[in-house]
C-alpha cells in the first residue's frame, strides 16, 4: 500500500510524495539528522536534505485510487 506524505521545507516550499508504507517510519526516524535521506516515490527518486525539513505530515488513508483534490 502507498501513502501520501507532505514535507514542509525551509523558505515555505512543500514537497508532496507518494511512498510505500515502509518509507514513512524510515523517513520519520531520519528527521532531525544531518545530510541527505534517499526516498523512492511514485514521482521518482528523491534526496531529501534533512536540515531543510520543517515538518512531515502523513495524509490519512491509502493513496491508491486518489484523483483530484478530494480527501478521504
PDB file of N, CA and C in Angstrom:
ATOM      1  N   UNK A   1       0.851  -1.168   0.000  1.00  0.00           N
ATOM      2  CA  UNK A   1       0.000   0.000   0.000  1.00  0.00           C
ATOM      3  C   UNK A   1       0.901   1.236   0.000  1.00  0.00           C
ATOM      4  N   UNK A   2       0.452   2.289  -0.607  1.00  0.00           N
ATOM      5  CA  UNK A   2       1.228   3.519  -0.640  1.00  0.00           C
ATOM      6  C   UNK A   2       0.524   4.626   0.135  1.00  0.00           C
ATOM      7  N   UNK A   3       1.325   5.574   0.608  1.00  0.00           N
ATOM      8  CA  UNK A   3       0.835   6.687   1.417  1.00  0.00           C
ATOM      9  C   UNK A   3       1.306   7.996   0.812  1.00  0.00           C
ATOM     10  N   UNK A   4       0.552   9.053   1.041  1.00  0.00           N
ATOM     11  CA  UNK A   4       0.954  10.394   0.638  1.00  0.00           C
ATOM     12  C   UNK A   4       1.581  11.081   1.841  1.00  0.00           C
ATOM     13  N   UNK A   5       2.737  11.679   1.632  1.00  0.00           N
ATOM     14  CA  UNK A   5       3.371  12.467   2.684  1.00  0.00           C
ATOM     15  C   UNK A   5       3.634  13.867   2.157  1.00  0.00           C
ATOM     16  N   UNK A   6       3.623  14.799   3.078  1.00  0.00           N
ATOM     17  CA  UNK A   6       3.884  16.193   2.767  1.00  0.00           C
ATOM     18  C   UNK A   6       5.076  16.634   3.610  1.00  0.00           C
ATOM     19  N   UNK A   7       6.094  17.161   2.957  1.00  0.00           N
ATOM     20  CA  UNK A   7       7.270  17.644   3.654  1.00  0.00           C
ATOM     21  C   UNK A   7       7.334  19.158   3.503  1.00  0.00           C
ATOM     22  N   UNK A   8       7.323  19.859   4.623  1.00  0.00           N
ATOM     23  CA  UNK A   8       7.497  21.302   4.612  1.00  0.00           C
ATOM     24  C   UNK A   8       8.981  21.614   4.626  1.00  0.00           C
ATOM     25  N   UNK A   9       9.391  22.571   3.808  1.00  0.00           N
ATOM     26  CA  UNK A   9      10.800  22.906   3.674  1.00  0.00           C
ATOM     27  C   UNK A   9      11.056  24.349   4.084  1.00  0.00           C
ATOM     28  N   UNK A  10      12.271  24.612   4.542  1.00  0.00           N
ATOM     29  CA  UNK A  10      12.652  25.984   4.865  1.00  0.00           C
ATOM     30  C   UNK A  10      12.335  26.883   3.681  1.00  0.00           C
ATOM     31  N   UNK A  11      11.868  28.074   3.954  1.00  0.00           N
ATOM     32  CA  UNK A  11      11.522  29.002   2.883  1.00  0.00           C
ATOM     33  C   UNK A  11      10.086  28.861   2.417  1.00  0.00           C
ATOM     34  N   UNK A  12       9.353  27.889   2.956  1.00  0.00           N
ATOM     35  CA  UNK A  12       7.936  27.754   2.640  1.00  0.00           C
ATOM     36  C   UNK A  12       7.570  26.748   1.572  1.00  0.00           C
ATOM     37  N   UNK A  13       8.536  26.102   0.963  1.00  0.00           N
ATOM     38  CA  UNK A  13       8.231  25.098  -0.051  1.00  0.00           C
ATOM     39  C   UNK A  13       7.628  23.846   0.571  1.00  0.00           C
ATOM     40  N   UNK A  14       6.838  23.136  -0.218  1.00  0.00           N
ATOM     41  CA  UNK A  14       6.217  21.892   0.226  1.00  0.00           C
ATOM     42  C   UNK A  14       6.444  20.834  -0.850  1.00  0.00           C
ATOM     43  N   UNK A  15       6.839  19.649  -0.413  1.00  0.00           N
ATOM     44  CA  UNK A  15       7.051  18.526  -1.310  1.00  0.00           C
ATOM     45  C   UNK A  15       6.023  17.458  -0.968  1.00  0.00           C
ATOM     46  N   UNK A  16       5.200  17.093  -1.933  1.00  0.00           N
ATOM     47  CA  UNK A  16       4.163  16.078  -1.746  1.00  0.00           C
ATOM     48  C   UNK A  16       4.581  14.836  -2.514  1.00  0.00           C
ATOM     49  N   UNK A  17       4.714  13.714  -1.789  1.00  0.00           N
ATOM     50  CA  UNK A  17       5.203  12.473  -2.385  1.00  0.00           C
ATOM     51  C   UNK A  17       4.271  11.310  -2.079  1.00  0.00           C
ATOM     52  N   UNK A  18       4.239  10.337  -2.977  1.00  0.00           N
ATOM     53  CA  UNK A  18       3.538   9.084  -2.770  1.00  0.00           C
ATOM     54  C   UNK A  18       4.600   8.016  -2.542  1.00  0.00           C
ATOM     55  N   UNK A  19       4.629   7.446  -1.327  1.00  0.00           N
ATOM     56  CA  UNK A  19       5.671   6.497  -0.950  1.00  0.00           C
ATOM     57  C   UNK A  19       5.050   5.198  -0.440  1.00  0.00           C
ATOM     58  N   UNK A  20       5.856   4.151  -0.420  1.00  0.00           N
ATOM     59  CA  UNK A  20       5.409   2.888   0.164  1.00  0.00           C
ATOM     60  C   UNK A  20       5.332   3.042   1.683  1.00  0.00           C
ATOM     61  N   UNK A  21       4.494   2.238   2.314  1.00  0.00           N
ATOM     62  CA  UNK A  21       4.280   2.325   3.765  1.00  0.00           C
ATOM     63  C   UNK A  21       5.574   2.282   4.570  1.00  0.00           C
ATOM     64  N   UNK A  22       6.516   1.420   4.185  1.00  0.00           N
ATOM     65  CA  UNK A  22       7.743   1.278   4.971  1.00  0.00           C
ATOM     66  C   UNK A  22       8.662   2.493   4.884  1.00  0.00           C
ATOM     67  N   UNK A  23       8.450   3.369   3.911  1.00  0.00           N
ATOM     68  CA  UNK A  23       9.264   4.579   3.785  1.00  0.00           C
ATOM     69  C   UNK A  23       8.892   5.618   4.839  1.00  0.00           C
ATOM     70  N   UNK A  24       7.666   5.569   5.357  1.00  0.00           N
ATOM     71  CA  UNK A  24       7.206   6.575   6.323  1.00  0.00           C
ATOM     72  C   UNK A  24       7.998   6.506   7.630  1.00  0.00           C
ATOM     73  N   UNK A  25       8.068   5.350   8.311  1.00  0.00           N
ATOM     74  CA  UNK A  25       8.851   5.323   9.552  1.00  0.00           C
ATOM     75  C   UNK A  25      10.349   5.533   9.318  1.00  0.00           C
ATOM     76  N   UNK A  26      10.860   5.108   8.168  1.00  0.00           N
ATOM     77  CA  UNK A  26      12.279   5.312   7.867  1.00  0.00           C
ATOM     78  C   UNK A  26      12.598   6.797   7.749  1.00  0.00           C
ATOM     79  N   UNK A  27      11.747   7.547   7.059  1.00  0.00           N
ATOM     80  CA  UNK A  27      11.962   8.978   6.930  1.00  0.00           C
ATOM     81  C   UNK A  27      11.739   9.678   8.263  1.00  0.00           C
ATOM     82  N   UNK A  28      10.706   9.295   8.968  1.00  0.00           N
ATOM     83  CA  UNK A  28      10.425   9.906  10.280  1.00  0.00           C
ATOM     84  C   UNK A  28      11.623   9.722  11.224  1.00  0.00           C
ATOM     85  N   UNK A  29      12.232   8.545  11.203  1.00  0.00           N
ATOM     86  CA  UNK A  29      13.391   8.280  12.050  1.00  0.00           C
ATOM     87  C   UNK A  29      14.620   9.078  11.647  1.00  0.00           C
ATOM     88  N   UNK A  30      14.714   9.427  10.370  1.00  0.00           N
ATOM     89  CA  UNK A  30      15.868  10.184   9.884  1.00  0.00           C
ATOM     90  C   UNK A  30      15.743  11.683  10.152  1.00  0.00           C
ATOM     91  N   UNK A  31      14.514  12.176  10.335  1.00  0.00           N
ATOM     92  CA  UNK A  31      14.319  13.610  10.551  1.00  0.00           C
ATOM     93  C   UNK A  31      15.077  14.090  11.775  1.00  0.00           C
ATOM     94  N   UNK A  32      15.613  15.267  11.678  1.00  0.00           N
ATOM     95  CA  UNK A  32      16.419  15.814  12.758  1.00  0.00           C
ATOM     96  C   UNK A  32      17.892  15.486  12.610  1.00  0.00           C
ATOM     97  N   UNK A  33      18.193  14.622  11.644  1.00  0.00           N
ATOM     98  CA  UNK A  33      19.581  14.246  11.399  1.00  0.00           C
ATOM     99  C   UNK A  33      20.241  15.198  10.419  1.00  0.00           C
ATOM    100  N   UNK A  34      21.449  14.863  10.050  1.00  0.00           N
ATOM    101  CA  UNK A  34      22.216  15.668   9.095  1.00  0.00           C
ATOM    102  C   UNK A  34      22.301  14.958   7.765  1.00  0.00           C
ATOM    103  N   UNK A  35      22.599  15.714   6.735  1.00  0.00           N
ATOM    104  CA  UNK A  35      22.829  15.146   5.418  1.00  0.00           C
ATOM    105  C   UNK A  35      21.544  14.885   4.665  1.00  0.00           C
ATOM    106  N   UNK A  36      21.637  13.976   3.724  1.00  0.00           N
ATOM    107  CA  UNK A  36      20.519  13.661   2.850  1.00  0.00           C
ATOM    108  C   UNK A  36      19.960  12.272   3.152  1.00  0.00           C
ATOM    109  N   UNK A  37      18.665  12.118   2.925  1.00  0.00           N
ATOM    110  CA  UNK A  37      17.990  10.833   3.071  1.00  0.00           C
ATOM    111  C   UNK A  37      17.324  10.518   1.735  1.00  0.00           C
ATOM    112  N   UNK A  38      17.614   9.353   1.182  1.00  0.00           N
ATOM    113  CA  UNK A  38      17.042   8.942  -0.098  1.00  0.00           C
ATOM    114  C   UNK A  38      15.635   8.392   0.110  1.00  0.00           C
ATOM    115  N   UNK A  39      14.691   8.880  -0.690  1.00  0.00           N
ATOM    116  CA  UNK A  39      13.306   8.426  -0.615  1.00  0.00           C
ATOM    117  C   UNK A  39      12.842   8.088  -2.025  1.00  0.00           C
ATOM    118  N   UNK A  40      12.435   6.836  -2.228  1.00  0.00           N
ATOM    119  CA  UNK A  40      11.854   6.427  -3.503  1.00  0.00           C
ATOM    120  C   UNK A  40      10.353   6.698  -3.438  1.00  0.00           C
ATOM    121  N   UNK A  41       9.830   7.307  -4.489  1.00  0.00           N
ATOM    122  CA  UNK A  41       8.401   7.609  -4.535  1.00  0.00           C
ATOM    123  C   UNK A  41       7.866   7.354  -5.940  1.00  0.00           C
ATOM    124  N   UNK A  42       6.547   7.411  -6.074  1.00  0.00           N
ATOM    125  CA  UNK A  42       5.947   7.273  -7.399  1.00  0.00           C
ATOM    126  C   UNK A  42       6.395   8.400  -8.322  1.00  0.00           C
ATOM    127  N   UNK A  43       6.792   9.527  -7.732  1.00  0.00           N
ATOM    128  CA  UNK A  43       7.209  10.691  -8.502  1.00  0.00           C
ATOM    129  C   UNK A  43       8.669  10.612  -8.937  1.00  0.00           C
ATOM    130  N   UNK A  44       9.432   9.664  -8.383  1.00  0.00           N
ATOM    131  CA  UNK A  44      10.840   9.489  -8.729  1.00  0.00           C
ATOM    132  C   UNK A  44      11.700   9.315  -7.499  1.00  0.00           C
ATOM    133  N   UNK A  45      13.010   9.295  -7.696  1.00  0.00           N
ATOM    134  CA  UNK A  45      13.974   9.193  -6.602  1.00  0.00           C
ATOM    135  C   UNK A  45      14.197  10.586  -6.037  1.00  0.00           C
ATOM    136  N   UNK A  46      14.212  10.704  -4.714  1.00  0.00           N
ATOM    137  CA  UNK A  46      14.335  11.998  -4.056  1.00  0.00           C
ATOM    138  C   UNK A  46      15.435  11.942  -3.011  1.00  0.00           C
ATOM    139  N   UNK A  47      16.297  12.952  -3.012  1.00  0.00           N
ATOM    140  CA  UNK A  47      17.315  13.119  -1.976  1.00  0.00           C
ATOM    141  C   UNK A  47      16.855  14.287  -1.117  1.00  0.00           C
ATOM    142  N   UNK A  48      16.420  13.990   0.102  1.00  0.00           N
ATOM    143  CA  UNK A  48      15.851  14.996   1.000  1.00  0.00           C
ATOM    144  C   UNK A  48      16.954  15.515   1.919  1.00  0.00           C
ATOM    145  N   UNK A  49      17.183  16.833   1.903  1.00  0.00           N
ATOM    146  CA  UNK A  49      18.139  17.470   2.809  1.00  0.00           C
ATOM    147  C   UNK A  49      17.460  17.591   4.174  1.00  0.00           C
ATOM    148  N   UNK A  50      17.844  16.738   5.098  1.00  0.00           N
ATOM    149  CA  UNK A  50      17.173  16.648   6.391  1.00  0.00           C
ATOM    150  C   UNK A  50      17.233  17.946   7.183  1.00  0.00           C
ATOM    151  N   UNK A  51      18.261  18.743   6.973  1.00  0.00           N
ATOM    152  CA  UNK A  51      18.392  20.002   7.673  1.00  0.00           C
ATOM    153  C   UNK A  51      17.433  21.074   7.189  1.00  0.00           C
ATOM    154  N   UNK A  52      16.769  20.846   6.057  1.00  0.00           N
ATOM    155  CA  UNK A  52      15.844  21.821   5.475  1.00  0.00           C
ATOM    156  C   UNK A  52      14.380  21.472   5.711  1.00  0.00           C
ATOM    157  N   UNK A  53      14.107  20.297   6.278  1.00  0.00           N
ATOM    158  CA  UNK A  53      12.722  19.863   6.505  1.00  0.00           C
ATOM    159  C   UNK A  53      12.205  20.489   7.803  1.00  0.00           C
ATOM    160  N   UNK A  54      11.070  21.188   7.707  1.00  0.00           N
ATOM    161  CA  UNK A  54      10.482  21.831   8.886  1.00  0.00           C
ATOM    162  C   UNK A  54       9.346  21.006   9.477  1.00  0.00           C
ATOM    163  N   UNK A  55       8.675  20.204   8.658  1.00  0.00           N
ATOM    164  CA  UNK A  55       7.632  19.308   9.164  1.00  0.00           C
ATOM    165  C   UNK A  55       7.378  18.179   8.182  1.00  0.00           C
ATOM    166  N   UNK A  56       6.772  17.123   8.700  1.00  0.00           N
ATOM    167  CA  UNK A  56       6.335  15.994   7.882  1.00  0.00           C
ATOM    168  C   UNK A  56       4.905  15.678   8.283  1.00  0.00           C
ATOM    169  N   UNK A  57       4.042  15.586   7.300  1.00  0.00           N
ATOM    170  CA  UNK A  57       2.648  15.226   7.557  1.00  0.00           C
ATOM    171  C   UNK A  57       2.323  13.999   6.723  1.00  0.00           C
ATOM    172  N   UNK A  58       1.747  12.995   7.357  1.00  0.00           N
ATOM    173  CA  UNK A  58       1.310  11.787   6.663  1.00  0.00           C
ATOM    174  C   UNK A  58      -0.196  11.927   6.471  1.00  0.00           C
ATOM    175  N   UNK A  59      -0.612  11.991   5.217  1.00  0.00           N
ATOM    176  CA  UNK A  59      -2.023  12.167   4.927  1.00  0.00           C
ATOM    177  C   UNK A  59      -2.788  10.882   5.229  1.00  0.00           C
ATOM    178  N   UNK A  60      -4.008  11.013   5.713  1.00  0.00           N
ATOM    179  CA  UNK A  60      -4.770   9.818   6.096  1.00  0.00           C
ATOM    180  C   UNK A  60      -5.170   8.970   4.887  1.00  0.00           C
ATOM    181  N   UNK A  61      -5.243   7.682   5.128  1.00  0.00           N
ATOM    182  CA  UNK A  61      -5.765   6.767   4.119  1.00  0.00           C
ATOM    183  C   UNK A  61      -4.728   6.315   3.116  1.00  0.00           C
ATOM    184  N   UNK A  62      -5.174   5.487   2.215  1.00  0.00           N
ATOM    185  CA  UNK A  62      -4.376   4.888   1.160  1.00  0.00           C
ATOM    186  C   UNK A  62      -4.323   5.845  -0.023  1.00  0.00           C
ATOM    187  N   UNK A  63      -3.165   6.005  -0.638  1.00  0.00           N
ATOM    188  CA  UNK A  63      -3.013   6.904  -1.773  1.00  0.00           C
ATOM    189  C   UNK A  63      -3.516   6.288  -3.072  1.00  0.00           C
ATOM    190  N   UNK A  64      -3.662   4.969  -3.128  1.00  0.00           N
ATOM    191  CA  UNK A  64      -4.103   4.319  -4.366  1.00  0.00           C
ATOM    192  C   UNK A  64      -5.517   4.741  -4.723  1.00  0.00           C
ATOM    193  N   UNK A  65      -5.700   5.081  -5.965  1.00  0.00           N
ATOM    194  CA  UNK A  65      -7.026   5.421  -6.460  1.00  0.00           C
ATOM    195  C   UNK A  65      -7.451   6.847  -6.215  1.00  0.00           C
ATOM    196  N   UNK A  66      -6.599   7.670  -5.652  1.00  0.00           N
ATOM    197  CA  UNK A  66      -6.951   9.073  -5.406  1.00  0.00           C
ATOM    198  C   UNK A  66      -6.832   9.861  -6.702  1.00  0.00           C
ATOM    199  N   UNK A  67      -7.855  10.629  -6.965  1.00  0.00           N
ATOM    200  CA  UNK A  67      -7.865  11.500  -8.149  1.00  0.00           C
ATOM    201  C   UNK A  67      -8.429  12.840  -7.711  1.00  0.00           C
ATOM    202  N   UNK A  68      -7.843  13.918  -8.191  1.00  0.00           N
ATOM    203  CA  UNK A  68      -8.393  15.247  -7.915  1.00  0.00           C
ATOM    204  C   UNK A  68      -7.979  15.786  -6.573  1.00  0.00           C
ATOM    205  N   UNK A  69      -8.810  16.669  -6.047  1.00  0.00           N
ATOM    206  CA  UNK A  69      -8.472  17.407  -4.842  1.00  0.00           C
ATOM    207  C   UNK A  69      -9.173  16.895  -3.592  1.00  0.00           C
ATOM    208  N   UNK A  70     -10.038  15.948  -3.708  1.00  0.00           N
ATOM    209  CA  UNK A  70     -10.810  15.458  -2.566  1.00  0.00           C
ATOM    210  C   UNK A  70      -9.968  14.637  -1.617  1.00  0.00           C
ATOM    211  N   UNK A  71     -10.312  14.702  -0.339  1.00  0.00           N
ATOM    212  CA  UNK A  71      -9.641  13.888   0.675  1.00  0.00           C
ATOM    213  C   UNK A  71     -10.495  12.678   1.008  1.00  0.00           C
ATOM    214  N   UNK A  72      -9.876  11.726   1.641  1.00  0.00           N
ATOM    215  CA  UNK A  72     -10.632  10.530   2.034  1.00  0.00           C
ATOM    216  C   UNK A  72     -10.445  10.252   3.494  1.00  0.00           C
TER     217      UNK A  72
END
